[in-house]
């Protein structure tokens, strides 16, 4: 299945790939974070689209990512 990673804030596609283990991939991205050479992101949500290409129905999983929130520690007096 075709899988596309998109930044939720901008709509920019950051990676397009084909995966035969979509359930495993989706479980992995729902973990702590997703890291690319240009940044670290967190899973936001996903969509599964069906479309017709020629006379063949295809599926595409789009995984939306949000920028990782830095861990901020606040001390209370």
PDB file of N, CA and C in Angstrom:
ATOM      1  N   UNK A   1       0.848  -1.164   0.000  1.00  0.00           N
ATOM      2  CA  UNK A   1       0.000   0.000   0.000  1.00  0.00           C
ATOM      3  C   UNK A   1       0.898   1.232   0.000  1.00  0.00           C
ATOM      4  N   UNK A   2       0.452   2.244  -0.701  1.00  0.00           N
ATOM      5  CA  UNK A   2       1.162   3.506  -0.720  1.00  0.00           C
ATOM      6  C   UNK A   2       0.930   4.229   0.605  1.00  0.00           C
ATOM      7  N   UNK A   3       2.011   4.739   1.206  1.00  0.00           N
ATOM      8  CA  UNK A   3       1.939   5.452   2.483  1.00  0.00           C
ATOM      9  C   UNK A   3       2.610   6.806   2.301  1.00  0.00           C
ATOM     10  N   UNK A   4       1.934   7.856   2.763  1.00  0.00           N
ATOM     11  CA  UNK A   4       2.473   9.209   2.653  1.00  0.00           C
ATOM     12  C   UNK A   4       2.498   9.826   4.048  1.00  0.00           C
ATOM     13  N   UNK A   5       3.626  10.442   4.397  1.00  0.00           N
ATOM     14  CA  UNK A   5       3.748  11.187   5.656  1.00  0.00           C
ATOM     15  C   UNK A   5       3.603  12.669   5.346  1.00  0.00           C
ATOM     16  N   UNK A   6       2.730  13.348   6.098  1.00  0.00           N
ATOM     17  CA  UNK A   6       2.424  14.756   5.848  1.00  0.00           C
ATOM     18  C   UNK A   6       2.517  15.521   7.168  1.00  0.00           C
ATOM     19  N   UNK A   7       3.071  16.733   7.117  1.00  0.00           N
ATOM     20  CA  UNK A   7       3.089  17.591   8.292  1.00  0.00           C
ATOM     21  C   UNK A   7       1.728  18.266   8.419  1.00  0.00           C
ATOM     22  N   UNK A   8       1.070  18.081   9.547  1.00  0.00           N
ATOM     23  CA  UNK A   8      -0.269  18.639   9.756  1.00  0.00           C
ATOM     24  C   UNK A   8      -0.267  20.158   9.633  1.00  0.00           C
ATOM     25  N   UNK A   9       0.735  20.818  10.187  1.00  0.00           N
ATOM     26  CA  UNK A   9       0.749  22.283  10.238  1.00  0.00           C
ATOM     27  C   UNK A   9       0.886  22.939   8.871  1.00  0.00           C
ATOM     28  N   UNK A  10       1.595  22.285   7.937  1.00  0.00           N
ATOM     29  CA  UNK A  10       1.856  22.916   6.640  1.00  0.00           C
ATOM     30  C   UNK A  10       1.231  22.171   5.458  1.00  0.00           C
ATOM     31  N   UNK A  11       0.901  20.893   5.650  1.00  0.00           N
ATOM     32  CA  UNK A  11       0.403  20.088   4.540  1.00  0.00           C
ATOM     33  C   UNK A  11       1.506  19.563   3.638  1.00  0.00           C
ATOM     34  N   UNK A  12       2.763  19.804   4.004  1.00  0.00           N
ATOM     35  CA  UNK A  12       3.893  19.343   3.197  1.00  0.00           C
ATOM     36  C   UNK A  12       4.070  17.839   3.323  1.00  0.00           C
ATOM     37  N   UNK A  13       4.282  17.175   2.180  1.00  0.00           N
ATOM     38  CA  UNK A  13       4.610  15.756   2.179  1.00  0.00           C
ATOM     39  C   UNK A  13       6.086  15.626   2.493  1.00  0.00           C
ATOM     40  N   UNK A  14       6.428  14.766   3.463  1.00  0.00           N
ATOM     41  CA  UNK A  14       7.827  14.591   3.822  1.00  0.00           C
ATOM     42  C   UNK A  14       8.393  13.250   3.368  1.00  0.00           C
ATOM     43  N   UNK A  15       7.515  12.281   3.112  1.00  0.00           N
ATOM     44  CA  UNK A  15       7.981  10.972   2.650  1.00  0.00           C
ATOM     45  C   UNK A  15       6.828  10.223   2.012  1.00  0.00           C
ATOM     46  N   UNK A  16       7.112   9.564   0.909  1.00  0.00           N
ATOM     47  CA  UNK A  16       6.145   8.665   0.280  1.00  0.00           C
ATOM     48  C   UNK A  16       6.832   7.323   0.131  1.00  0.00           C
ATOM     49  N   UNK A  17       6.137   6.253   0.530  1.00  0.00           N
ATOM     50  CA  UNK A  17       6.732   4.927   0.488  1.00  0.00           C
ATOM     51  C   UNK A  17       5.655   3.881   0.238  1.00  0.00           C
ATOM     52  N   UNK A  18       6.084   2.653  -0.003  1.00  0.00           N
ATOM     53  CA  UNK A  18       5.174   1.522  -0.146  1.00  0.00           C
ATOM     54  C   UNK A  18       5.465   0.568   1.005  1.00  0.00           C
ATOM     55  N   UNK A  19       4.412   0.091   1.658  1.00  0.00           N
ATOM     56  CA  UNK A  19       4.576  -0.837   2.782  1.00  0.00           C
ATOM     57  C   UNK A  19       3.604  -1.996   2.641  1.00  0.00           C
ATOM     58  N   UNK A  20       4.093  -3.194   2.948  1.00  0.00           N
ATOM     59  CA  UNK A  20       3.235  -4.374   2.987  1.00  0.00           C
ATOM     60  C   UNK A  20       2.771  -4.677   4.407  1.00  0.00           C
ATOM     61  N   UNK A  21       3.298  -3.919   5.379  1.00  0.00           N
ATOM     62  CA  UNK A  21       2.918  -4.104   6.785  1.00  0.00           C
ATOM     63  C   UNK A  21       2.358  -2.788   7.322  1.00  0.00           C
ATOM     64  N   UNK A  22       1.207  -2.418   6.833  1.00  0.00           N
ATOM     65  CA  UNK A  22       0.604  -1.142   7.206  1.00  0.00           C
ATOM     66  C   UNK A  22       0.227  -1.122   8.681  1.00  0.00           C
ATOM     67  N   UNK A  23      -0.285  -2.228   9.213  1.00  0.00           N
ATOM     68  CA  UNK A  23      -0.661  -2.282  10.629  1.00  0.00           C
ATOM     69  C   UNK A  23       0.576  -2.083  11.510  1.00  0.00           C
ATOM     70  N   UNK A  24       1.669  -2.717  11.166  1.00  0.00           N
ATOM     71  CA  UNK A  24       2.905  -2.559  11.928  1.00  0.00           C
ATOM     72  C   UNK A  24       3.454  -1.150  11.822  1.00  0.00           C
ATOM     73  N   UNK A  25       3.410  -0.580  10.632  1.00  0.00           N
ATOM     74  CA  UNK A  25       3.886   0.782  10.422  1.00  0.00           C
ATOM     75  C   UNK A  25       3.049   1.778  11.226  1.00  0.00           C
ATOM     76  N   UNK A  26       1.740   1.610  11.192  1.00  0.00           N
ATOM     77  CA  UNK A  26       0.847   2.504  11.926  1.00  0.00           C
ATOM     78  C   UNK A  26       1.078   2.370  13.439  1.00  0.00           C
ATOM     79  N   UNK A  27       1.276   1.163  13.920  1.00  0.00           N
ATOM     80  CA  UNK A  27       1.560   0.962  15.346  1.00  0.00           C
ATOM     81  C   UNK A  27       2.880   1.632  15.728  1.00  0.00           C
ATOM     82  N   UNK A  28       3.866   1.548  14.847  1.00  0.00           N
ATOM     83  CA  UNK A  28       5.174   2.146  15.132  1.00  0.00           C
ATOM     84  C   UNK A  28       5.102   3.670  15.190  1.00  0.00           C
ATOM     85  N   UNK A  29       4.403   4.290  14.256  1.00  0.00           N
ATOM     86  CA  UNK A  29       4.348   5.759  14.249  1.00  0.00           C
ATOM     87  C   UNK A  29       3.502   6.307  15.389  1.00  0.00           C
ATOM     88  N   UNK A  30       2.623   5.477  15.949  1.00  0.00           N
ATOM     89  CA  UNK A  30       1.832   5.922  17.097  1.00  0.00           C
ATOM     90  C   UNK A  30       2.639   5.859  18.388  1.00  0.00           C
ATOM     91  N   UNK A  31       3.897   5.452  18.302  1.00  0.00           N
ATOM     92  CA  UNK A  31       4.774   5.390  19.467  1.00  0.00           C
ATOM     93  C   UNK A  31       5.199   6.780  19.908  1.00  0.00           C
ATOM     94  N   UNK A  32       6.321   6.842  20.579  1.00  0.00           N
ATOM     95  CA  UNK A  32       6.782   8.093  21.180  1.00  0.00           C
ATOM     96  C   UNK A  32       7.049   9.192  20.150  1.00  0.00           C
ATOM     97  N   UNK A  33       7.788   8.883  19.087  1.00  0.00           N
ATOM     98  CA  UNK A  33       8.048   9.890  18.062  1.00  0.00           C
ATOM     99  C   UNK A  33       8.478   9.248  16.752  1.00  0.00           C
ATOM    100  N   UNK A  34       8.487  10.069  15.707  1.00  0.00           N
ATOM    101  CA  UNK A  34       8.924   9.653  14.374  1.00  0.00           C
ATOM    102  C   UNK A  34      10.071  10.581  13.999  1.00  0.00           C
ATOM    103  N   UNK A  35      11.222  10.020  13.659  1.00  0.00           N
ATOM    104  CA  UNK A  35      12.397  10.830  13.391  1.00  0.00           C
ATOM    105  C   UNK A  35      12.798  10.727  11.926  1.00  0.00           C
ATOM    106  N   UNK A  36      13.021  11.888  11.322  1.00  0.00           N
ATOM    107  CA  UNK A  36      13.558  12.005   9.973  1.00  0.00           C
ATOM    108  C   UNK A  36      14.886  12.750  10.088  1.00  0.00           C
ATOM    109  N   UNK A  37      15.727  12.747   9.062  1.00  0.00           N
ATOM    110  CA  UNK A  37      16.994  13.482   9.145  1.00  0.00           C
ATOM    111  C   UNK A  37      16.802  14.984   9.410  1.00  0.00           C
ATOM    112  N   UNK A  38      15.630  15.509   9.142  1.00  0.00           N
ATOM    113  CA  UNK A  38      15.393  16.950   9.282  1.00  0.00           C
ATOM    114  C   UNK A  38      14.532  17.311  10.491  1.00  0.00           C
ATOM    115  N   UNK A  39      14.204  16.352  11.341  1.00  0.00           N
ATOM    116  CA  UNK A  39      13.427  16.692  12.531  1.00  0.00           C
ATOM    117  C   UNK A  39      12.718  15.499  13.148  1.00  0.00           C
ATOM    118  N   UNK A  40      12.177  15.743  14.321  1.00  0.00           N
ATOM    119  CA  UNK A  40      11.446  14.724  15.068  1.00  0.00           C
ATOM    120  C   UNK A  40       9.999  15.169  15.206  1.00  0.00           C
ATOM    121  N   UNK A  41       9.077  14.236  14.987  1.00  0.00           N
ATOM    122  CA  UNK A  41       7.654  14.552  14.956  1.00  0.00           C
ATOM    123  C   UNK A  41       6.874  13.530  15.769  1.00  0.00           C
ATOM    124  N   UNK A  42       5.609  13.842  16.021  1.00  0.00           N
ATOM    125  CA  UNK A  42       4.719  12.936  16.727  1.00  0.00           C
ATOM    126  C   UNK A  42       3.499  12.662  15.865  1.00  0.00           C
ATOM    127  N   UNK A  43       2.960  11.461  16.001  1.00  0.00           N
ATOM    128  CA  UNK A  43       1.745  11.068  15.297  1.00  0.00           C
ATOM    129  C   UNK A  43       0.600  12.012  15.670  1.00  0.00           C
ATOM    130  N   UNK A  44      -0.173  12.436  14.674  1.00  0.00           N
ATOM    131  CA  UNK A  44      -1.341  13.285  14.915  1.00  0.00           C
ATOM    132  C   UNK A  44      -2.619  12.495  14.601  1.00  0.00           C
ATOM    133  N   UNK A  45      -2.777  12.082  13.340  1.00  0.00           N
ATOM    134  CA  UNK A  45      -3.907  11.260  12.922  1.00  0.00           C
ATOM    135  C   UNK A  45      -3.593  10.668  11.559  1.00  0.00           C
ATOM    136  N   UNK A  46      -4.486   9.825  11.047  1.00  0.00           N
ATOM    137  CA  UNK A  46      -4.267   9.245   9.723  1.00  0.00           C
ATOM    138  C   UNK A  46      -5.585   9.137   8.971  1.00  0.00           C
ATOM    139  N   UNK A  47      -5.475   9.019   7.645  1.00  0.00           N
ATOM    140  CA  UNK A  47      -6.637   8.786   6.788  1.00  0.00           C
ATOM    141  C   UNK A  47      -6.304   7.646   5.830  1.00  0.00           C
ATOM    142  N   UNK A  48      -7.333   6.921   5.432  1.00  0.00           N
ATOM    143  CA  UNK A  48      -7.181   5.864   4.445  1.00  0.00           C
ATOM    144  C   UNK A  48      -8.067   6.217   3.263  1.00  0.00           C
ATOM    145  N   UNK A  49      -7.444   6.441   2.128  1.00  0.00           N
ATOM    146  CA  UNK A  49      -8.170   6.856   0.928  1.00  0.00           C
ATOM    147  C   UNK A  49      -8.171   5.740  -0.105  1.00  0.00           C
ATOM    148  N   UNK A  50      -9.273   5.622  -0.808  1.00  0.00           N
ATOM    149  CA  UNK A  50      -9.402   4.679  -1.925  1.00  0.00           C
ATOM    150  C   UNK A  50      -9.601   5.495  -3.193  1.00  0.00           C
ATOM    151  N   UNK A  51      -8.909   5.105  -4.248  1.00  0.00           N
ATOM    152  CA  UNK A  51      -9.034   5.834  -5.506  1.00  0.00           C
ATOM    153  C   UNK A  51      -8.888   4.863  -6.670  1.00  0.00           C
ATOM    154  N   UNK A  52      -9.359   5.296  -7.808  1.00  0.00           N
ATOM    155  CA  UNK A  52      -9.317   4.484  -9.024  1.00  0.00           C
ATOM    156  C   UNK A  52      -8.178   4.978  -9.906  1.00  0.00           C
ATOM    157  N   UNK A  53      -7.259   4.079 -10.229  1.00  0.00           N
ATOM    158  CA  UNK A  53      -6.145   4.401 -11.117  1.00  0.00           C
ATOM    159  C   UNK A  53      -6.232   3.476 -12.316  1.00  0.00           C
ATOM    160  N   UNK A  54      -6.603   4.042 -13.453  1.00  0.00           N
ATOM    161  CA  UNK A  54      -6.911   3.197 -14.605  1.00  0.00           C
ATOM    162  C   UNK A  54      -8.198   2.470 -14.292  1.00  0.00           C
ATOM    163  N   UNK A  55      -8.145   1.155 -14.241  1.00  0.00           N
ATOM    164  CA  UNK A  55      -9.317   0.375 -13.847  1.00  0.00           C
ATOM    165  C   UNK A  55      -9.054  -0.426 -12.578  1.00  0.00           C
ATOM    166  N   UNK A  56      -8.049   0.032 -11.810  1.00  0.00           N
ATOM    167  CA  UNK A  56      -7.665  -0.678 -10.590  1.00  0.00           C
ATOM    168  C   UNK A  56      -7.899   0.231  -9.387  1.00  0.00           C
ATOM    169  N   UNK A  57      -8.606  -0.304  -8.375  1.00  0.00           N
ATOM    170  CA  UNK A  57      -8.792   0.440  -7.139  1.00  0.00           C
ATOM    171  C   UNK A  57      -7.527   0.324  -6.287  1.00  0.00           C
ATOM    172  N   UNK A  58      -7.079   1.431  -5.766  1.00  0.00           N
ATOM    173  CA  UNK A  58      -5.882   1.474  -4.943  1.00  0.00           C
ATOM    174  C   UNK A  58      -6.213   2.117  -3.595  1.00  0.00           C
ATOM    175  N   UNK A  59      -5.345   1.874  -2.622  1.00  0.00           N
ATOM    176  CA  UNK A  59      -5.490   2.470  -1.306  1.00  0.00           C
ATOM    177  C   UNK A  59      -4.242   3.282  -0.989  1.00  0.00           C
ATOM    178  N   UNK A  60      -4.443   4.370  -0.248  1.00  0.00           N
ATOM    179  CA  UNK A  60      -3.315   5.170   0.201  1.00  0.00           C
ATOM    180  C   UNK A  60      -3.548   5.571   1.649  1.00  0.00           C
ATOM    181  N   UNK A  61      -2.575   5.275   2.483  1.00  0.00           N
ATOM    182  CA  UNK A  61      -2.618   5.662   3.882  1.00  0.00           C
ATOM    183  C   UNK A  61      -1.829   6.954   4.024  1.00  0.00           C
ATOM    184  N   UNK A  62      -2.469   7.986   4.547  1.00  0.00           N
ATOM    185  CA  UNK A  62      -1.782   9.245   4.805  1.00  0.00           C
ATOM    186  C   UNK A  62      -1.659   9.403   6.315  1.00  0.00           C
ATOM    187  N   UNK A  63      -0.420   9.552   6.778  1.00  0.00           N
ATOM    188  CA  UNK A  63      -0.132   9.701   8.201  1.00  0.00           C
ATOM    189  C   UNK A  63       0.271  11.142   8.444  1.00  0.00           C
ATOM    190  N   UNK A  64      -0.486  11.816   9.295  1.00  0.00           N
ATOM    191  CA  UNK A  64      -0.226  13.222   9.599  1.00  0.00           C
ATOM    192  C   UNK A  64       0.612  13.312  10.870  1.00  0.00           C
ATOM    193  N   UNK A  65       1.626  14.159  10.813  1.00  0.00           N
ATOM    194  CA  UNK A  65       2.554  14.313  11.925  1.00  0.00           C
ATOM    195  C   UNK A  65       2.559  15.751  12.421  1.00  0.00           C
ATOM    196  N   UNK A  66       2.690  15.911  13.731  1.00  0.00           N
ATOM    197  CA  UNK A  66       2.826  17.249  14.305  1.00  0.00           C
ATOM    198  C   UNK A  66       4.234  17.379  14.858  1.00  0.00           C
ATOM    199  N   UNK A  67       4.691  18.630  14.957  1.00  0.00           N
ATOM    200  CA  UNK A  67       6.035  18.850  15.471  1.00  0.00           C
ATOM    201  C   UNK A  67       6.109  18.415  16.916  1.00  0.00           C
ATOM    202  N   UNK A  68       7.234  17.826  17.260  1.00  0.00           N
ATOM    203  CA  UNK A  68       7.416  17.337  18.617  1.00  0.00           C
ATOM    204  C   UNK A  68       7.430  18.507  19.589  1.00  0.00           C
ATOM    205  N   UNK A  69       6.688  18.355  20.676  1.00  0.00           N
ATOM    206  CA  UNK A  69       6.690  19.379  21.720  1.00  0.00           C
ATOM    207  C   UNK A  69       7.871  19.123  22.634  1.00  0.00           C
ATOM    208  N   UNK A  70       8.678  20.152  22.877  1.00  0.00           N
ATOM    209  CA  UNK A  70       9.820  19.939  23.767  1.00  0.00           C
ATOM    210  C   UNK A  70       9.339  19.668  25.186  1.00  0.00           C
ATOM    211  N   UNK A  71      10.084  18.849  25.879  1.00  0.00           N
ATOM    212  CA  UNK A  71       9.754  18.561  27.285  1.00  0.00           C
ATOM    213  C   UNK A  71      10.181  19.752  28.125  1.00  0.00           C
ATOM    214  N   UNK A  72       9.214  20.450  28.689  1.00  0.00           N
ATOM    215  CA  UNK A  72       9.498  21.620  29.519  1.00  0.00           C
ATOM    216  C   UNK A  72       9.164  21.267  30.959  1.00  0.00           C
ATOM    217  N   UNK A  73      10.125  21.480  31.816  1.00  0.00           N
ATOM    218  CA  UNK A  73       9.923  21.193  33.226  1.00  0.00           C
ATOM    219  C   UNK A  73       9.658  22.514  33.933  1.00  0.00           C
ATOM    220  N   UNK A  74       8.560  22.587  34.679  1.00  0.00           N
ATOM    221  CA  UNK A  74       8.227  23.787  35.426  1.00  0.00           C
ATOM    222  C   UNK A  74       8.315  23.476  36.905  1.00  0.00           C
ATOM    223  N   UNK A  75       9.117  24.275  37.594  1.00  0.00           N
ATOM    224  CA  UNK A  75       9.262  24.096  39.038  1.00  0.00           C
ATOM    225  C   UNK A  75       8.320  25.047  39.752  1.00  0.00           C
ATOM    226  N   UNK A  76       7.620  24.534  40.746  1.00  0.00           N
ATOM    227  CA  UNK A  76       6.692  25.346  41.527  1.00  0.00           C
ATOM    228  C   UNK A  76       7.275  25.545  42.910  1.00  0.00           C
ATOM    229  N   UNK A  77       7.315  26.816  43.371  1.00  0.00           N
ATOM    230  CA  UNK A  77       7.855  27.097  44.705  1.00  0.00           C
ATOM    231  C   UNK A  77       6.786  26.931  45.740  1.00  0.00           C
TER     232      UNK A  77
END
